[in-house]
C-alpha atoms as a PDB file:
ATOM      1  CA  MET A   1     -21.048  13.062 -37.231  1.00  0.00           C
ATOM      2  CA  THR A   2     -22.225   9.462 -37.405  1.00  0.00           C
ATOM      3  CA  VAL A   3     -20.906   7.137 -40.079  1.00  0.00           C
ATOM      4  CA  ALA A   4     -22.800   3.921 -40.683  1.00  0.00           C
ATOM      5  CA  VAL A   5     -20.579   0.947 -41.468  1.00  0.00           C
ATOM      6  CA  ILE A   6     -22.986  -1.479 -43.082  1.00  0.00           C
ATOM      7  CA  THR A   7     -22.557  -5.114 -42.133  1.00  0.00           C
ATOM      8  CA  PHE A   8     -23.789  -7.917 -44.376  1.00  0.00           C
ATOM      9  CA  GLY A   9     -23.519 -11.635 -43.755  1.00  0.00           C
ATOM     10  CA  GLY A  10     -19.842 -12.331 -44.456  1.00  0.00           C
ATOM     11  CA  SER A  11     -18.505  -8.790 -43.922  1.00  0.00           C
ATOM     12  CA  ASN A  12     -15.269  -8.945 -41.942  1.00  0.00           C
ATOM     13  CA  CYS A  13     -13.728  -5.476 -42.122  1.00  0.00           C
ATOM     14  CA  ASP A  14     -16.583  -3.602 -40.463  1.00  0.00           C
ATOM     15  CA  ARG A  15     -14.950  -3.457 -37.034  1.00  0.00           C
ATOM     16  CA  ASP A  16     -11.668  -2.392 -38.639  1.00  0.00           C
ATOM     17  CA  ALA A  17     -13.452   0.501 -40.342  1.00  0.00           C
ATOM     18  CA  VAL A  18     -15.153   1.620 -37.109  1.00  0.00           C
ATOM     19  CA  ARG A  19     -11.866   1.591 -35.217  1.00  0.00           C
ATOM     20  CA  ALA A  20      -9.986   3.427 -37.971  1.00  0.00           C
ATOM     21  CA  LEU A  21     -12.653   6.131 -38.160  1.00  0.00           C
ATOM     22  CA  ALA A  22     -12.665   6.507 -34.368  1.00  0.00           C
ATOM     23  CA  HIS A  23      -8.887   7.021 -34.493  1.00  0.00           C
ATOM     24  CA  ILE A  24      -9.341  10.128 -36.672  1.00  0.00           C
ATOM     25  CA  GLY A  25     -12.184  11.452 -34.513  1.00  0.00           C
ATOM     26  CA  VAL A  26     -15.207  10.196 -36.438  1.00  0.00           C
ATOM     27  CA  ASP A  27     -18.155   8.634 -34.618  1.00  0.00           C
ATOM     28  CA  ALA A  28     -18.954   5.411 -36.456  1.00  0.00           C
ATOM     29  CA  GLU A  29     -21.162   2.434 -35.742  1.00  0.00           C
ATOM     30  CA  ARG A  30     -21.827  -0.924 -37.323  1.00  0.00           C
ATOM     31  CA  VAL A  31     -25.297  -1.179 -38.854  1.00  0.00           C
ATOM     32  CA  TRP A  32     -26.784  -4.572 -39.696  1.00  0.00           C
ATOM     33  CA  HIS A  33     -28.175  -4.343 -43.215  1.00  0.00           C
ATOM     34  CA  GLU A  34     -31.637  -5.570 -42.222  1.00  0.00           C
ATOM     35  CA  ASP A  35     -32.016  -2.699 -39.715  1.00  0.00           C
ATOM     36  CA  GLY A  36     -31.798   0.084 -42.307  1.00  0.00           C
ATOM     37  CA  LEU A  37     -29.842   3.323 -42.114  1.00  0.00           C
ATOM     38  CA  PRO A  38     -30.015   5.468 -38.962  1.00  0.00           C
ATOM     39  CA  ALA A  39     -32.038   8.658 -39.389  1.00  0.00           C
ATOM     40  CA  ASP A  40     -29.061  10.857 -38.507  1.00  0.00           C
ATOM     41  CA  VAL A  41     -26.472   9.210 -40.757  1.00  0.00           C
ATOM     42  CA  ASP A  42     -23.761  11.566 -42.029  1.00  0.00           C
ATOM     43  CA  GLY A  43     -21.637   9.067 -43.923  1.00  0.00           C
ATOM     44  CA  ILE A  44     -21.667   5.453 -45.103  1.00  0.00           C
ATOM     45  CA  VAL A  45     -18.968   2.807 -45.456  1.00  0.00           C
ATOM     46  CA  LEU A  46     -19.496  -0.422 -47.381  1.00  0.00           C
ATOM     47  CA  PRO A  47     -16.704  -2.498 -45.806  1.00  0.00           C
ATOM     48  CA  GLY A  48     -14.562  -5.329 -47.043  1.00  0.00           C
ATOM     49  CA  GLY A  49     -15.113  -9.026 -46.549  1.00  0.00           C
ATOM     50  CA  PHE A  50     -16.908 -11.776 -48.387  1.00  0.00           C
ATOM     51  CA  SER A  51     -20.583 -10.862 -48.270  1.00  0.00           C
ATOM     52  CA  TYR A  52     -22.666 -13.992 -48.732  1.00  0.00           C
ATOM     53  CA  GLY A  53     -19.555 -15.969 -49.571  1.00  0.00           C
ATOM     54  CA  ASP A  54     -19.168 -14.147 -52.902  1.00  0.00           C
ATOM     55  CA  TYR A  55     -21.863 -16.430 -54.342  1.00  0.00           C
ATOM     56  CA  LEU A  56     -23.036 -15.564 -57.868  1.00  0.00           C
ATOM     57  CA  ARG A  57     -20.443 -12.759 -58.100  1.00  0.00           C
ATOM     58  CA  ALA A  58     -18.584 -10.861 -55.434  1.00  0.00           C
ATOM     59  CA  GLY A  59     -20.961  -8.240 -54.007  1.00  0.00           C
ATOM     60  CA  ALA A  60     -23.930  -9.304 -56.144  1.00  0.00           C
ATOM     61  CA  MET A  61     -26.175 -10.578 -53.349  1.00  0.00           C
ATOM     62  CA  ALA A  62     -25.435  -7.709 -50.956  1.00  0.00           C
ATOM     63  CA  ALA A  63     -26.226  -5.252 -53.746  1.00  0.00           C
ATOM     64  CA  HIS A  64     -29.825  -6.493 -53.664  1.00  0.00           C
ATOM     65  CA  SER A  65     -30.287  -5.926 -49.936  1.00  0.00           C
ATOM     66  CA  PRO A  66     -33.078  -3.349 -49.353  1.00  0.00           C
ATOM     67  CA  ILE A  67     -30.653  -1.116 -47.456  1.00  0.00           C
ATOM     68  CA  MET A  68     -28.863  -0.404 -50.722  1.00  0.00           C
ATOM     69  CA  ASN A  69     -31.924   1.529 -51.906  1.00  0.00           C
ATOM     70  CA  GLU A  70     -31.434   3.732 -48.852  1.00  0.00           C
ATOM     71  CA  VAL A  71     -27.727   4.036 -49.607  1.00  0.00           C
ATOM     72  CA  ARG A  72     -28.473   5.200 -53.162  1.00  0.00           C
ATOM     73  CA  ASP A  73     -30.965   7.757 -51.859  1.00  0.00           C
ATOM     74  CA  ALA A  74     -28.427   9.002 -49.310  1.00  0.00           C
ATOM     75  CA  ALA A  75     -25.772   9.291 -52.021  1.00  0.00           C
ATOM     76  CA  GLU A  76     -28.137  11.364 -54.144  1.00  0.00           C
ATOM     77  CA  ASP A  77     -28.648  13.635 -51.129  1.00  0.00           C
ATOM     78  CA  GLY A  78     -24.896  14.250 -50.953  1.00  0.00           C
ATOM     79  CA  ILE A  79     -24.016  11.884 -48.095  1.00  0.00           C
ATOM     80  CA  PRO A  80     -20.436  10.591 -48.521  1.00  0.00           C
ATOM     81  CA  VAL A  81     -20.336   6.887 -49.401  1.00  0.00           C
ATOM     82  CA  LEU A  82     -17.131   4.831 -49.558  1.00  0.00           C
ATOM     83  CA  GLY A  83     -16.977   1.228 -50.746  1.00  0.00           C
ATOM     84  CA  VAL A  84     -13.804  -0.682 -49.864  1.00  0.00           C
ATOM     85  CA  CYS A  85     -12.795  -4.012 -51.429  1.00  0.00           C
ATOM     86  CA  ASN A  86     -15.949  -6.135 -51.133  1.00  0.00           C
ATOM     87  CA  GLY A  87     -17.748  -2.835 -50.550  1.00  0.00           C
ATOM     88  CA  ALA A  88     -16.374  -1.628 -53.883  1.00  0.00           C
ATOM     89  CA  GLN A  89     -17.789  -4.749 -55.504  1.00  0.00           C
ATOM     90  CA  VAL A  90     -21.150  -4.061 -53.848  1.00  0.00           C
ATOM     91  CA  GLY A  91     -20.954  -0.460 -55.053  1.00  0.00           C
ATOM     92  CA  CYS A  92     -20.455  -1.502 -58.660  1.00  0.00           C
ATOM     93  CA  GLU A  93     -23.066  -4.244 -58.506  1.00  0.00           C
ATOM     94  CA  SER A  94     -25.612  -1.777 -57.110  1.00  0.00           C
ATOM     95  CA  LYS A  95     -24.767   0.794 -59.832  1.00  0.00           C
ATOM     96  CA  LEU A  96     -23.390   3.373 -57.420  1.00  0.00           C
ATOM     97  CA  THR A  97     -20.349   3.331 -59.684  1.00  0.00           C
ATOM     98  CA  PRO A  98     -19.759   1.930 -63.180  1.00  0.00           C
ATOM     99  CA  GLY A  99     -17.755  -1.096 -64.194  1.00  0.00           C
ATOM    100  CA  ALA A 100     -17.177  -4.322 -62.296  1.00  0.00           C
ATOM    101  CA  PHE A 101     -14.535  -6.070 -60.240  1.00  0.00           C
ATOM    102  CA  THR A 102     -13.697  -9.583 -61.338  1.00  0.00           C
ATOM    103  CA  THR A 103     -11.120 -12.337 -60.851  1.00  0.00           C
ATOM    104  CA  ASN A 104      -7.517 -11.206 -60.571  1.00  0.00           C
ATOM    105  CA  ALA A 105      -5.386 -11.776 -63.659  1.00  0.00           C
ATOM    106  CA  SER A 106      -3.258 -14.097 -61.518  1.00  0.00           C
ATOM    107  CA  ALA A 107      -6.369 -16.123 -60.585  1.00  0.00           C
ATOM    108  CA  ARG A 108      -5.009 -15.983 -57.037  1.00  0.00           C
ATOM    109  CA  PHE A 109      -5.866 -14.149 -53.833  1.00  0.00           C
ATOM    110  CA  GLN A 110      -3.500 -11.164 -53.515  1.00  0.00           C
ATOM    111  CA  CYS A 111      -2.599  -9.873 -50.047  1.00  0.00           C
ATOM    112  CA  GLU A 112       0.181  -7.293 -50.013  1.00  0.00           C
ATOM    113  CA  SER A 113       0.964  -3.616 -49.679  1.00  0.00           C
ATOM    114  CA  VAL A 114       0.746  -1.660 -52.928  1.00  0.00           C
ATOM    115  CA  HIS A 115       1.491   1.861 -54.080  1.00  0.00           C
ATOM    116  CA  LEU A 116      -1.210   4.137 -55.448  1.00  0.00           C
ATOM    117  CA  ARG A 117      -0.824   7.344 -57.414  1.00  0.00           C
ATOM    118  CA  VAL A 118      -3.339  10.088 -56.724  1.00  0.00           C
ATOM    119  CA  GLU A 119      -4.966  11.039 -60.025  1.00  0.00           C
ATOM    120  CA  ASN A 120      -7.475  13.653 -58.843  1.00  0.00           C
ATOM    121  CA  SER A 121      -7.026  15.649 -55.639  1.00  0.00           C
ATOM    122  CA  ASP A 122     -10.209  17.675 -56.066  1.00  0.00           C
ATOM    123  CA  THR A 123     -12.450  15.178 -54.284  1.00  0.00           C
ATOM    124  CA  PRO A 124     -13.365  14.614 -50.629  1.00  0.00           C
ATOM    125  CA  TRP A 125     -11.454  11.319 -50.726  1.00  0.00           C
ATOM    126  CA  THR A 126      -8.196  12.821 -51.977  1.00  0.00           C
ATOM    127  CA  ALA A 127      -8.268  16.353 -50.563  1.00  0.00           C
ATOM    128  CA  ALA A 128      -5.446  15.413 -48.192  1.00  0.00           C
ATOM    129  CA  TYR A 129      -3.132  14.711 -51.139  1.00  0.00           C
ATOM    130  CA  GLU A 130      -1.763  16.368 -54.251  1.00  0.00           C
ATOM    131  CA  VAL A 131      -2.056  15.009 -57.766  1.00  0.00           C
ATOM    132  CA  GLY A 132       0.867  12.675 -58.331  1.00  0.00           C
ATOM    133  CA  ASP A 133       1.344  11.826 -54.658  1.00  0.00           C
ATOM    134  CA  VAL A 134       2.209   8.187 -54.057  1.00  0.00           C
ATOM    135  CA  ILE A 135       0.642   6.460 -51.058  1.00  0.00           C
ATOM    136  CA  GLU A 136       1.014   2.942 -49.691  1.00  0.00           C
ATOM    137  CA  ILE A 137      -2.092   0.952 -48.782  1.00  0.00           C
ATOM    138  CA  PRO A 138      -2.643  -2.821 -48.518  1.00  0.00           C
ATOM    139  CA  ILE A 139      -4.852  -4.984 -50.715  1.00  0.00           C
ATOM    140  CA  ALA A 140      -6.486  -8.320 -49.900  1.00  0.00           C
ATOM    141  CA  HIS A 141      -8.686  -9.658 -52.666  1.00  0.00           C
ATOM    142  CA  GLY A 142      -9.257 -12.420 -55.175  1.00  0.00           C
ATOM    143  CA  GLU A 143     -11.624 -10.448 -57.407  1.00  0.00           C
ATOM    144  CA  GLY A 144     -10.078  -7.001 -57.605  1.00  0.00           C
ATOM    145  CA  ARG A 145      -9.522  -6.595 -61.324  1.00  0.00           C
ATOM    146  CA  PHE A 146     -11.480  -3.545 -62.477  1.00  0.00           C
ATOM    147  CA  GLU A 147     -13.119  -4.029 -65.842  1.00  0.00           C
ATOM    148  CA  ILE A 148     -15.223  -1.662 -67.899  1.00  0.00           C
ATOM    149  CA  ALA A 149     -15.956  -1.221 -71.597  1.00  0.00           C
ATOM    150  CA  ALA A 150     -13.288   0.776 -73.415  1.00  0.00           C
ATOM    151  CA  GLU A 151     -15.616   3.668 -74.224  1.00  0.00           C
ATOM    152  CA  ARG A 152     -16.848   3.892 -70.631  1.00  0.00           C
ATOM    153  CA  TYR A 153     -13.251   3.852 -69.425  1.00  0.00           C
ATOM    154  CA  GLU A 154     -12.440   6.786 -71.693  1.00  0.00           C
ATOM    155  CA  GLU A 155     -15.420   8.619 -70.207  1.00  0.00           C
ATOM    156  CA  LEU A 156     -14.055   8.057 -66.701  1.00  0.00           C
ATOM    157  CA  VAL A 157     -10.715   9.469 -67.785  1.00  0.00           C
ATOM    158  CA  ALA A 158     -12.291  12.462 -69.526  1.00  0.00           C
ATOM    159  CA  ASP A 159     -14.498  13.203 -66.522  1.00  0.00           C
ATOM    160  CA  ASP A 160     -11.558  12.902 -64.081  1.00  0.00           C
ATOM    161  CA  ARG A 161     -13.331  10.172 -62.136  1.00  0.00           C
ATOM    162  CA  ILE A 162     -10.310   7.963 -61.597  1.00  0.00           C
ATOM    163  CA  VAL A 163      -8.954   8.777 -58.153  1.00  0.00           C
ATOM    164  CA  PHE A 164      -6.193   6.173 -57.715  1.00  0.00           C
ATOM    165  CA  ARG A 165      -4.042   4.044 -60.013  1.00  0.00           C
ATOM    166  CA  TYR A 166      -1.669   1.273 -59.028  1.00  0.00           C
ATOM    167  CA  CYS A 167       1.946   2.362 -59.490  1.00  0.00           C
ATOM    168  CA  ASP A 168       5.447   1.623 -58.299  1.00  0.00           C
ATOM    169  CA  ALA A 169       7.131   3.438 -55.416  1.00  0.00           C
ATOM    170  CA  ALA A 170       8.316   6.169 -57.782  1.00  0.00           C
ATOM    171  CA  GLY A 171       4.830   6.803 -59.142  1.00  0.00           C
ATOM    172  CA  ASN A 172       5.262   5.022 -62.461  1.00  0.00           C
ATOM    173  CA  VAL A 173       2.055   3.378 -63.677  1.00  0.00           C
ATOM    174  CA  THR A 174       3.264   0.117 -65.189  1.00  0.00           C
ATOM    175  CA  ASP A 175       1.989  -3.390 -65.844  1.00  0.00           C
ATOM    176  CA  GLU A 176       4.418  -4.693 -63.248  1.00  0.00           C
ATOM    177  CA  ALA A 177       2.885  -2.418 -60.608  1.00  0.00           C
ATOM    178  CA  ASN A 178      -0.633  -3.622 -61.391  1.00  0.00           C
ATOM    179  CA  PRO A 179      -1.385  -6.388 -58.852  1.00  0.00           C
ATOM    180  CA  ASN A 180      -4.611  -7.666 -60.369  1.00  0.00           C
ATOM    181  CA  GLY A 181      -4.736  -6.671 -64.036  1.00  0.00           C
ATOM    182  CA  SER A 182      -7.194  -3.785 -63.647  1.00  0.00           C
ATOM    183  CA  ARG A 183      -7.871  -1.786 -66.805  1.00  0.00           C
ATOM    184  CA  GLY A 184      -5.660   1.265 -66.769  1.00  0.00           C
ATOM    185  CA  ASN A 185      -4.217   0.242 -63.370  1.00  0.00           C
ATOM    186  CA  VAL A 186      -7.413   1.625 -61.813  1.00  0.00           C
ATOM    187  CA  ALA A 187      -7.573   1.201 -58.033  1.00  0.00           C
ATOM    188  CA  GLY A 188     -10.395   3.622 -57.189  1.00  0.00           C
ATOM    189  CA  ILE A 189     -13.082   5.603 -58.987  1.00  0.00           C
ATOM    190  CA  LEU A 190     -15.857   8.085 -58.342  1.00  0.00           C
ATOM    191  CA  GLY A 191     -19.561   7.644 -58.945  1.00  0.00           C
ATOM    192  CA  GLU A 192     -21.647  10.145 -60.860  1.00  0.00           C
ATOM    193  CA  ARG A 193     -21.091  12.484 -57.917  1.00  0.00           C
ATOM    194  CA  GLU A 194     -17.813  12.991 -56.118  1.00  0.00           C
ATOM    195  CA  ASN A 195     -19.349  12.117 -52.743  1.00  0.00           C
ATOM    196  CA  VAL A 196     -19.352   8.451 -53.819  1.00  0.00           C
ATOM    197  CA  ALA A 197     -16.134   6.477 -54.286  1.00  0.00           C
ATOM    198  CA  VAL A 198     -15.108   2.830 -54.421  1.00  0.00           C
ATOM    199  CA  MET A 199     -11.604   1.412 -54.117  1.00  0.00           C
ATOM    200  CA  MET A 200     -10.061  -2.036 -53.777  1.00  0.00           C
ATOM    201  CA  PRO A 201      -7.176  -1.171 -51.394  1.00  0.00           C
ATOM    202  CA  HIS A 202      -7.999  -0.939 -47.676  1.00  0.00           C
ATOM    203  CA  PRO A 203      -7.439   2.563 -46.214  1.00  0.00           C
ATOM    204  CA  GLU A 204      -8.711   1.381 -42.813  1.00  0.00           C
ATOM    205  CA  ARG A 205      -5.746  -0.993 -42.661  1.00  0.00           C
ATOM    206  CA  ALA A 206      -3.348   1.902 -43.212  1.00  0.00           C
ATOM    207  CA  THR A 207      -4.690   4.256 -40.540  1.00  0.00           C
ATOM    208  CA  LEU A 208      -3.685   2.996 -37.096  1.00  0.00           C
ATOM    209  CA  PRO A 209      -0.034   3.725 -36.184  1.00  0.00           C
ATOM    210  CA  ASP A 210       0.170   0.741 -33.826  1.00  0.00           C
ATOM    211  CA  LEU A 211      -0.165  -1.644 -36.778  1.00  0.00           C
ATOM    212  CA  GLY A 212       3.410  -0.773 -37.705  1.00  0.00           C
ATOM    213  CA  ARG A 213       2.720   0.053 -41.328  1.00  0.00           C
ATOM    214  CA  SER A 214       1.833   3.065 -43.468  1.00  0.00           C
ATOM    215  CA  VAL A 215      -0.878   5.414 -42.188  1.00  0.00           C
ATOM    216  CA  ASP A 216      -1.535   6.852 -45.659  1.00  0.00           C
ATOM    217  CA  GLY A 217      -5.143   5.651 -45.504  1.00  0.00           C
ATOM    218  CA  GLN A 218      -5.987   8.385 -43.008  1.00  0.00           C
ATOM    219  CA  GLY A 219      -6.198  10.846 -45.883  1.00  0.00           C
ATOM    220  CA  VAL A 220      -8.943   8.833 -47.571  1.00  0.00           C
ATOM    221  CA  LEU A 221     -11.021   8.422 -44.422  1.00  0.00           C
ATOM    222  CA  SER A 222     -10.640  12.126 -43.570  1.00  0.00           C
ATOM    223  CA  ALA A 223     -13.407  12.733 -46.120  1.00  0.00           C
ATOM    224  CA  PHE A 224     -15.767  11.863 -43.263  1.00  0.00           C
ATOM    225  CA  VAL A 225     -14.305  14.498 -40.935  1.00  0.00           C
END
């Protein structure tokens, strides 16, 4: 299996993603956005960073790169696509998933480990967990607050498309456990199809044991195995 980790100008978590995937036995390679997707691609990661300096809006410029047309086509063909942090912003801006990620309620860059509660275990991204499991994964973002119209949010809930919510260590979804003010404590959602997901926390930073922190992110990345 070959996973393409798409690199835009300003991406800075692409190498992290490649290394994390290699650790769980997945062949991954960085792909410069201007070069297009490889013919044999089996999975796609939109990595974190600050594509194009977050000009206009975070992820907005990268979303208009021609490779994103290929990514949308691949997603429609069932190829797994994961957007992480800036990649989640690109995913929303390119309409792979609904809603938008905007400035944190604190108006500050947040870099810390957070707890997530698994809301739906019947997806490739959460198959390693059970509903209600609490995992620990770091965040690092200034524009991570998920926003969506109230009626669209209710549709996400009804369709079971929310995969992770911010919570405390005991699994309680509270305002205090919400690091950025996201509607409904949302940390990750699915697209129209379950093979597409975006999330603000960084599973690739919670995969390698030698980093001395949680390895709970392995379960997310195992969707590519």
